């Protein structure tokens, strides 16, 4: 009869990529489909990253969240006129 294989689990099974649970208090966040993906100190850099992502993936819902005011602004699809 064959012996059953047993998986060895590490003592700490916490994921290394777990998101921070601390609320954003300053700066800007790139929100993709309702999830914060990255944070920025400057508004221009956040909008630039959002625009590049929206051009590559137009079906995603992308917003820039301003932590100080608590408001978010959606990134619209930019049409190319050629």
PDB file of N, CA and C in Angstrom:
ATOM      1  N   UNK A   1       0.827  -1.171   0.000  1.00  0.00           N
ATOM      2  CA  UNK A   1       0.000   0.000   0.000  1.00  0.00           C
ATOM      3  C   UNK A   1       0.883   1.251   0.000  1.00  0.00           C
ATOM      4  N   UNK A   2       0.446   2.242  -0.766  1.00  0.00           N
ATOM      5  CA  UNK A   2       1.220   3.473  -0.878  1.00  0.00           C
ATOM      6  C   UNK A   2       1.026   4.367   0.336  1.00  0.00           C
ATOM      7  N   UNK A   3       2.080   5.055   0.645  1.00  0.00           N
ATOM      8  CA  UNK A   3       2.028   5.977   1.763  1.00  0.00           C
ATOM      9  C   UNK A   3       1.480   7.318   1.283  1.00  0.00           C
ATOM     10  N   UNK A   4       0.626   7.969   2.041  1.00  0.00           N
ATOM     11  CA  UNK A   4       0.051   9.264   1.664  1.00  0.00           C
ATOM     12  C   UNK A   4       1.104  10.359   1.839  1.00  0.00           C
ATOM     13  N   UNK A   5       1.120  11.255   0.889  1.00  0.00           N
ATOM     14  CA  UNK A   5       2.031  12.392   0.982  1.00  0.00           C
ATOM     15  C   UNK A   5       1.423  13.453   1.878  1.00  0.00           C
ATOM     16  N   UNK A   6       2.247  14.040   2.667  1.00  0.00           N
ATOM     17  CA  UNK A   6       1.785  15.094   3.563  1.00  0.00           C
ATOM     18  C   UNK A   6       2.519  16.377   3.219  1.00  0.00           C
ATOM     19  N   UNK A   7       1.749  17.444   3.158  1.00  0.00           N
ATOM     20  CA  UNK A   7       2.350  18.737   2.871  1.00  0.00           C
ATOM     21  C   UNK A   7       2.820  19.378   4.169  1.00  0.00           C
ATOM     22  N   UNK A   8       3.991  19.926   4.115  1.00  0.00           N
ATOM     23  CA  UNK A   8       4.536  20.619   5.273  1.00  0.00           C
ATOM     24  C   UNK A   8       4.142  22.088   5.143  1.00  0.00           C
ATOM     25  N   UNK A   9       3.451  22.610   6.139  1.00  0.00           N
ATOM     26  CA  UNK A   9       3.054  24.013   6.124  1.00  0.00           C
ATOM     27  C   UNK A   9       3.969  24.803   7.031  1.00  0.00           C
ATOM     28  N   UNK A  10       4.404  25.964   6.583  1.00  0.00           N
ATOM     29  CA  UNK A  10       5.274  26.782   7.429  1.00  0.00           C
ATOM     30  C   UNK A  10       4.509  27.297   8.641  1.00  0.00           C
ATOM     31  N   UNK A  11       5.243  27.656   9.677  1.00  0.00           N
ATOM     32  CA  UNK A  11       4.628  28.124  10.920  1.00  0.00           C
ATOM     33  C   UNK A  11       3.836  29.406  10.692  1.00  0.00           C
ATOM     34  N   UNK A  12       4.366  30.305   9.878  1.00  0.00           N
ATOM     35  CA  UNK A  12       3.637  31.539   9.573  1.00  0.00           C
ATOM     36  C   UNK A  12       3.151  31.452   8.135  1.00  0.00           C
ATOM     37  N   UNK A  13       1.864  31.372   7.989  1.00  0.00           N
ATOM     38  CA  UNK A  13       1.303  31.237   6.645  1.00  0.00           C
ATOM     39  C   UNK A  13       0.800  32.562   6.093  1.00  0.00           C
ATOM     40  N   UNK A  14       1.272  33.688   6.638  1.00  0.00           N
ATOM     41  CA  UNK A  14       0.863  34.999   6.149  1.00  0.00           C
ATOM     42  C   UNK A  14       1.484  35.245   4.778  1.00  0.00           C
ATOM     43  N   UNK A  15       0.683  35.799   3.893  1.00  0.00           N
ATOM     44  CA  UNK A  15       1.167  36.090   2.547  1.00  0.00           C
ATOM     45  C   UNK A  15       2.060  37.314   2.562  1.00  0.00           C
ATOM     46  N   UNK A  16       3.100  37.270   1.762  1.00  0.00           N
ATOM     47  CA  UNK A  16       4.043  38.388   1.695  1.00  0.00           C
ATOM     48  C   UNK A  16       3.461  39.563   0.917  1.00  0.00           C
ATOM     49  N   UNK A  17       2.471  39.316   0.050  1.00  0.00           N
ATOM     50  CA  UNK A  17       1.912  40.370  -0.785  1.00  0.00           C
ATOM     51  C   UNK A  17       0.606  40.927  -0.231  1.00  0.00           C
ATOM     52  N   UNK A  18       0.320  40.684   1.030  1.00  0.00           N
ATOM     53  CA  UNK A  18      -0.919  41.154   1.626  1.00  0.00           C
ATOM     54  C   UNK A  18      -0.923  42.678   1.660  1.00  0.00           C
ATOM     55  N   UNK A  19      -2.050  43.267   1.277  1.00  0.00           N
ATOM     56  CA  UNK A  19      -2.170  44.712   1.207  1.00  0.00           C
ATOM     57  C   UNK A  19      -2.168  45.326   2.604  1.00  0.00           C
ATOM     58  N   UNK A  20      -1.691  46.541   2.679  1.00  0.00           N
ATOM     59  CA  UNK A  20      -1.667  47.271   3.927  1.00  0.00           C
ATOM     60  C   UNK A  20      -3.089  47.643   4.333  1.00  0.00           C
ATOM     61  N   UNK A  21      -3.393  47.556   5.617  1.00  0.00           N
ATOM     62  CA  UNK A  21      -4.727  47.917   6.071  1.00  0.00           C
ATOM     63  C   UNK A  21      -4.771  49.335   6.626  1.00  0.00           C
ATOM     64  N   UNK A  22      -3.652  50.022   6.581  1.00  0.00           N
ATOM     65  CA  UNK A  22      -3.612  51.401   7.044  1.00  0.00           C
ATOM     66  C   UNK A  22      -4.313  52.298   6.024  1.00  0.00           C
ATOM     67  N   UNK A  23      -5.159  53.216   6.483  1.00  0.00           N
ATOM     68  CA  UNK A  23      -5.837  54.108   5.536  1.00  0.00           C
ATOM     69  C   UNK A  23      -4.866  55.127   4.953  1.00  0.00           C
ATOM     70  N   UNK A  24      -5.127  55.514   3.729  1.00  0.00           N
ATOM     71  CA  UNK A  24      -4.298  56.507   3.050  1.00  0.00           C
ATOM     72  C   UNK A  24      -4.681  57.882   3.586  1.00  0.00           C
ATOM     73  N   UNK A  25      -3.709  58.623   4.108  1.00  0.00           N
ATOM     74  CA  UNK A  25      -4.002  59.922   4.711  1.00  0.00           C
ATOM     75  C   UNK A  25      -3.491  61.093   3.892  1.00  0.00           C
ATOM     76  N   UNK A  26      -2.532  60.853   3.000  1.00  0.00           N
ATOM     77  CA  UNK A  26      -2.013  61.931   2.162  1.00  0.00           C
ATOM     78  C   UNK A  26      -1.592  61.360   0.823  1.00  0.00           C
ATOM     79  N   UNK A  27      -1.562  62.222  -0.169  1.00  0.00           N
ATOM     80  CA  UNK A  27      -1.152  61.798  -1.499  1.00  0.00           C
ATOM     81  C   UNK A  27      -2.322  61.318  -2.343  1.00  0.00           C
ATOM     82  N   UNK A  28      -1.996  60.567  -3.379  1.00  0.00           N
ATOM     83  CA  UNK A  28      -2.979  60.111  -4.350  1.00  0.00           C
ATOM     84  C   UNK A  28      -2.813  58.613  -4.564  1.00  0.00           C
ATOM     85  N   UNK A  29      -3.929  57.939  -4.843  1.00  0.00           N
ATOM     86  CA  UNK A  29      -3.890  56.497  -5.052  1.00  0.00           C
ATOM     87  C   UNK A  29      -4.479  56.169  -6.417  1.00  0.00           C
ATOM     88  N   UNK A  30      -3.888  55.199  -7.084  1.00  0.00           N
ATOM     89  CA  UNK A  30      -4.402  54.674  -8.341  1.00  0.00           C
ATOM     90  C   UNK A  30      -5.324  53.509  -7.993  1.00  0.00           C
ATOM     91  N   UNK A  31      -6.609  53.670  -8.295  1.00  0.00           N
ATOM     92  CA  UNK A  31      -7.616  52.670  -7.947  1.00  0.00           C
ATOM     93  C   UNK A  31      -8.075  51.987  -9.226  1.00  0.00           C
ATOM     94  N   UNK A  32      -7.890  50.675  -9.303  1.00  0.00           N
ATOM     95  CA  UNK A  32      -8.269  49.892 -10.479  1.00  0.00           C
ATOM     96  C   UNK A  32      -9.351  48.911 -10.057  1.00  0.00           C
ATOM     97  N   UNK A  33     -10.531  49.049 -10.668  1.00  0.00           N
ATOM     98  CA  UNK A  33     -11.683  48.196 -10.362  1.00  0.00           C
ATOM     99  C   UNK A  33     -11.958  48.118  -8.861  1.00  0.00           C
ATOM    100  N   UNK A  34     -11.823  49.245  -8.169  1.00  0.00           N
ATOM    101  CA  UNK A  34     -12.146  49.322  -6.751  1.00  0.00           C
ATOM    102  C   UNK A  34     -11.040  48.923  -5.802  1.00  0.00           C
ATOM    103  N   UNK A  35      -9.857  48.618  -6.323  1.00  0.00           N
ATOM    104  CA  UNK A  35      -8.732  48.206  -5.482  1.00  0.00           C
ATOM    105  C   UNK A  35      -7.560  49.165  -5.665  1.00  0.00           C
ATOM    106  N   UNK A  36      -6.978  49.614  -4.550  1.00  0.00           N
ATOM    107  CA  UNK A  36      -5.812  50.500  -4.628  1.00  0.00           C
ATOM    108  C   UNK A  36      -4.616  49.689  -5.099  1.00  0.00           C
ATOM    109  N   UNK A  37      -4.008  50.141  -6.199  1.00  0.00           N
ATOM    110  CA  UNK A  37      -2.865  49.424  -6.762  1.00  0.00           C
ATOM    111  C   UNK A  37      -1.537  50.099  -6.466  1.00  0.00           C
ATOM    112  N   UNK A  38      -1.512  51.429  -6.425  1.00  0.00           N
ATOM    113  CA  UNK A  38      -0.274  52.128  -6.096  1.00  0.00           C
ATOM    114  C   UNK A  38      -0.599  53.515  -5.571  1.00  0.00           C
ATOM    115  N   UNK A  39       0.365  54.109  -4.882  1.00  0.00           N
ATOM    116  CA  UNK A  39       0.176  55.445  -4.327  1.00  0.00           C
ATOM    117  C   UNK A  39       1.234  56.386  -4.885  1.00  0.00           C
ATOM    118  N   UNK A  40       0.882  57.663  -4.938  1.00  0.00           N
ATOM    119  CA  UNK A  40       1.756  58.692  -5.491  1.00  0.00           C
ATOM    120  C   UNK A  40       1.714  59.917  -4.596  1.00  0.00           C
ATOM    121  N   UNK A  41       2.798  60.669  -4.584  1.00  0.00           N
ATOM    122  CA  UNK A  41       2.835  61.917  -3.826  1.00  0.00           C
ATOM    123  C   UNK A  41       2.302  63.079  -4.652  1.00  0.00           C
ATOM    124  N   UNK A  42       2.492  63.024  -5.978  1.00  0.00           N
ATOM    125  CA  UNK A  42       2.077  64.114  -6.852  1.00  0.00           C
ATOM    126  C   UNK A  42       0.874  63.710  -7.693  1.00  0.00           C
ATOM    127  N   UNK A  43      -0.022  64.658  -7.896  1.00  0.00           N
ATOM    128  CA  UNK A  43      -1.242  64.401  -8.671  1.00  0.00           C
ATOM    129  C   UNK A  43      -0.927  64.103 -10.124  1.00  0.00           C
ATOM    130  N   UNK A  44       0.033  64.826 -10.697  1.00  0.00           N
ATOM    131  CA  UNK A  44       0.388  64.640 -12.105  1.00  0.00           C
ATOM    132  C   UNK A  44       0.902  63.231 -12.389  1.00  0.00           C
ATOM    133  N   UNK A  45       1.738  62.716 -11.511  1.00  0.00           N
ATOM    134  CA  UNK A  45       2.282  61.375 -11.734  1.00  0.00           C
ATOM    135  C   UNK A  45       1.195  60.313 -11.585  1.00  0.00           C
ATOM    136  N   UNK A  46       0.242  60.524 -10.701  1.00  0.00           N
ATOM    137  CA  UNK A  46      -0.872  59.578 -10.546  1.00  0.00           C
ATOM    138  C   UNK A  46      -1.744  59.566 -11.789  1.00  0.00           C
ATOM    139  N   UNK A  47      -2.055  60.753 -12.333  1.00  0.00           N
ATOM    140  CA  UNK A  47      -2.881  60.830 -13.535  1.00  0.00           C
ATOM    141  C   UNK A  47      -2.152  60.254 -14.749  1.00  0.00           C
ATOM    142  N   UNK A  48      -0.851  60.468 -14.831  1.00  0.00           N
ATOM    143  CA  UNK A  48      -0.082  59.927 -15.956  1.00  0.00           C
ATOM    144  C   UNK A  48      -0.089  58.397 -15.925  1.00  0.00           C
ATOM    145  N   UNK A  49       0.106  57.824 -14.752  1.00  0.00           N
ATOM    146  CA  UNK A  49       0.071  56.361 -14.620  1.00  0.00           C
ATOM    147  C   UNK A  49      -1.325  55.830 -14.945  1.00  0.00           C
ATOM    148  N   UNK A  50      -2.352  56.540 -14.515  1.00  0.00           N
ATOM    149  CA  UNK A  50      -3.730  56.139 -14.816  1.00  0.00           C
ATOM    150  C   UNK A  50      -4.046  56.195 -16.295  1.00  0.00           C
ATOM    151  N   UNK A  51      -3.575  57.249 -16.968  1.00  0.00           N
ATOM    152  CA  UNK A  51      -3.797  57.381 -18.417  1.00  0.00           C
ATOM    153  C   UNK A  51      -3.095  56.276 -19.191  1.00  0.00           C
ATOM    154  N   UNK A  52      -1.865  55.978 -18.838  1.00  0.00           N
ATOM    155  CA  UNK A  52      -1.130  54.907 -19.525  1.00  0.00           C
ATOM    156  C   UNK A  52      -1.821  53.562 -19.352  1.00  0.00           C
ATOM    157  N   UNK A  53      -2.307  53.300 -18.154  1.00  0.00           N
ATOM    158  CA  UNK A  53      -3.002  52.044 -17.891  1.00  0.00           C
ATOM    159  C   UNK A  53      -4.330  51.982 -18.645  1.00  0.00           C
ATOM    160  N   UNK A  54      -5.035  53.095 -18.712  1.00  0.00           N
ATOM    161  CA  UNK A  54      -6.329  53.139 -19.407  1.00  0.00           C
ATOM    162  C   UNK A  54      -6.149  52.957 -20.914  1.00  0.00           C
ATOM    163  N   UNK A  55      -5.055  53.466 -21.472  1.00  0.00           N
ATOM    164  CA  UNK A  55      -4.775  53.276 -22.899  1.00  0.00           C
ATOM    165  C   UNK A  55      -4.507  51.802 -23.185  1.00  0.00           C
ATOM    166  N   UNK A  56      -3.744  51.138 -22.315  1.00  0.00           N
ATOM    167  CA  UNK A  56      -3.436  49.716 -22.522  1.00  0.00           C
ATOM    168  C   UNK A  56      -4.641  48.821 -22.276  1.00  0.00           C
ATOM    169  N   UNK A  57      -5.445  49.157 -21.265  1.00  0.00           N
ATOM    170  CA  UNK A  57      -6.593  48.339 -20.884  1.00  0.00           C
ATOM    171  C   UNK A  57      -7.833  49.219 -20.746  1.00  0.00           C
ATOM    172  N   UNK A  58      -8.499  49.554 -21.860  1.00  0.00           N
ATOM    173  CA  UNK A  58      -9.631  50.489 -21.802  1.00  0.00           C
ATOM    174  C   UNK A  58     -10.857  49.945 -21.075  1.00  0.00           C
ATOM    175  N   UNK A  59     -10.944  48.644 -20.884  1.00  0.00           N
ATOM    176  CA  UNK A  59     -12.106  48.066 -20.216  1.00  0.00           C
ATOM    177  C   UNK A  59     -12.060  48.197 -18.692  1.00  0.00           C
ATOM    178  N   UNK A  60     -10.900  48.541 -18.125  1.00  0.00           N
ATOM    179  CA  UNK A  60     -10.777  48.683 -16.680  1.00  0.00           C
ATOM    180  C   UNK A  60     -11.379  49.992 -16.198  1.00  0.00           C
ATOM    181  N   UNK A  61     -11.914  49.966 -14.983  1.00  0.00           N
ATOM    182  CA  UNK A  61     -12.398  51.182 -14.340  1.00  0.00           C
ATOM    183  C   UNK A  61     -11.256  51.738 -13.506  1.00  0.00           C
ATOM    184  N   UNK A  62     -10.738  52.890 -13.906  1.00  0.00           N
ATOM    185  CA  UNK A  62      -9.562  53.467 -13.254  1.00  0.00           C
ATOM    186  C   UNK A  62      -9.919  54.830 -12.691  1.00  0.00           C
ATOM    187  N   UNK A  63      -9.582  55.027 -11.411  1.00  0.00           N
ATOM    188  CA  UNK A  63      -9.838  56.298 -10.737  1.00  0.00           C
ATOM    189  C   UNK A  63      -8.579  56.735  -9.995  1.00  0.00           C
ATOM    190  N   UNK A  64      -8.478  58.043  -9.767  1.00  0.00           N
ATOM    191  CA  UNK A  64      -7.420  58.610  -8.944  1.00  0.00           C
ATOM    192  C   UNK A  64      -8.094  59.131  -7.681  1.00  0.00           C
ATOM    193  N   UNK A  65      -7.663  58.619  -6.528  1.00  0.00           N
ATOM    194  CA  UNK A  65      -8.244  58.993  -5.240  1.00  0.00           C
ATOM    195  C   UNK A  65      -7.350  59.998  -4.554  1.00  0.00           C
ATOM    196  N   UNK A  66      -7.931  61.143  -4.163  1.00  0.00           N
ATOM    197  CA  UNK A  66      -7.210  62.169  -3.417  1.00  0.00           C
ATOM    198  C   UNK A  66      -7.474  61.926  -1.934  1.00  0.00           C
ATOM    199  N   UNK A  67      -6.455  61.561  -1.186  1.00  0.00           N
ATOM    200  CA  UNK A  67      -6.621  61.183   0.218  1.00  0.00           C
ATOM    201  C   UNK A  67      -6.983  62.367   1.104  1.00  0.00           C
ATOM    202  N   UNK A  68      -6.508  63.555   0.774  1.00  0.00           N
ATOM    203  CA  UNK A  68      -6.770  64.712   1.619  1.00  0.00           C
ATOM    204  C   UNK A  68      -8.221  65.166   1.535  1.00  0.00           C
ATOM    205  N   UNK A  69      -8.800  65.165   0.332  1.00  0.00           N
ATOM    206  CA  UNK A  69     -10.188  65.603   0.176  1.00  0.00           C
ATOM    207  C   UNK A  69     -11.171  64.448   0.271  1.00  0.00           C
ATOM    208  N   UNK A  70     -10.713  63.227  -0.011  1.00  0.00           N
ATOM    209  CA  UNK A  70     -11.584  62.058   0.045  1.00  0.00           C
ATOM    210  C   UNK A  70     -12.381  61.822  -1.224  1.00  0.00           C
ATOM    211  N   UNK A  71     -12.071  62.546  -2.276  1.00  0.00           N
ATOM    212  CA  UNK A  71     -12.781  62.387  -3.544  1.00  0.00           C
ATOM    213  C   UNK A  71     -11.936  61.612  -4.553  1.00  0.00           C
ATOM    214  N   UNK A  72     -12.612  60.971  -5.497  1.00  0.00           N
ATOM    215  CA  UNK A  72     -11.902  60.271  -6.563  1.00  0.00           C
ATOM    216  C   UNK A  72     -12.396  60.771  -7.911  1.00  0.00           C
ATOM    217  N   UNK A  73     -11.512  60.712  -8.891  1.00  0.00           N
ATOM    218  CA  UNK A  73     -11.812  61.189 -10.240  1.00  0.00           C
ATOM    219  C   UNK A  73     -11.518  60.071 -11.233  1.00  0.00           C
ATOM    220  N   UNK A  74     -12.502  59.771 -12.089  1.00  0.00           N
ATOM    221  CA  UNK A  74     -12.359  58.688 -13.060  1.00  0.00           C
ATOM    222  C   UNK A  74     -11.474  59.126 -14.218  1.00  0.00           C
ATOM    223  N   UNK A  75     -10.732  58.182 -14.763  1.00  0.00           N
ATOM    224  CA  UNK A  75      -9.915  58.414 -15.948  1.00  0.00           C
ATOM    225  C   UNK A  75     -10.742  57.989 -17.163  1.00  0.00           C
ATOM    226  N   UNK A  76     -10.910  58.889 -18.115  1.00  0.00           N
ATOM    227  CA  UNK A  76     -11.685  58.596 -19.313  1.00  0.00           C
ATOM    228  C   UNK A  76     -10.786  58.045 -20.420  1.00  0.00           C
ATOM    229  N   UNK A  77     -11.386  57.328 -21.357  1.00  0.00           N
ATOM    230  CA  UNK A  77     -10.642  56.798 -22.493  1.00  0.00           C
ATOM    231  C   UNK A  77     -10.299  57.960 -23.418  1.00  0.00           C
ATOM    232  N   UNK A  78      -9.033  58.037 -23.784  1.00  0.00           N
ATOM    233  CA  UNK A  78      -8.558  59.085 -24.681  1.00  0.00           C
ATOM    234  C   UNK A  78      -8.614  58.545 -26.094  1.00  0.00           C
ATOM    235  N   UNK A  79      -9.367  59.214 -26.955  1.00  0.00           N
ATOM    236  CA  UNK A  79      -9.457  58.765 -28.337  1.00  0.00           C
ATOM    237  C   UNK A  79      -8.299  59.350 -29.128  1.00  0.00           C
ATOM    238  N   UNK A  80      -7.697  58.508 -29.966  1.00  0.00           N
ATOM    239  CA  UNK A  80      -6.575  58.944 -30.797  1.00  0.00           C
ATOM    240  C   UNK A  80      -7.115  59.436 -32.127  1.00  0.00           C
ATOM    241  N   UNK A  81      -6.764  60.640 -32.509  1.00  0.00           N
ATOM    242  CA  UNK A  81      -7.226  61.199 -33.781  1.00  0.00           C
ATOM    243  C   UNK A  81      -6.073  61.147 -34.786  1.00  0.00           C
ATOM    244  N   UNK A  82      -6.103  60.137 -35.658  1.00  0.00           N
ATOM    245  CA  UNK A  82      -5.068  60.005 -36.681  1.00  0.00           C
ATOM    246  C   UNK A  82      -5.699  59.804 -38.013  1.00  0.00           C
TER     247      UNK A  82
END
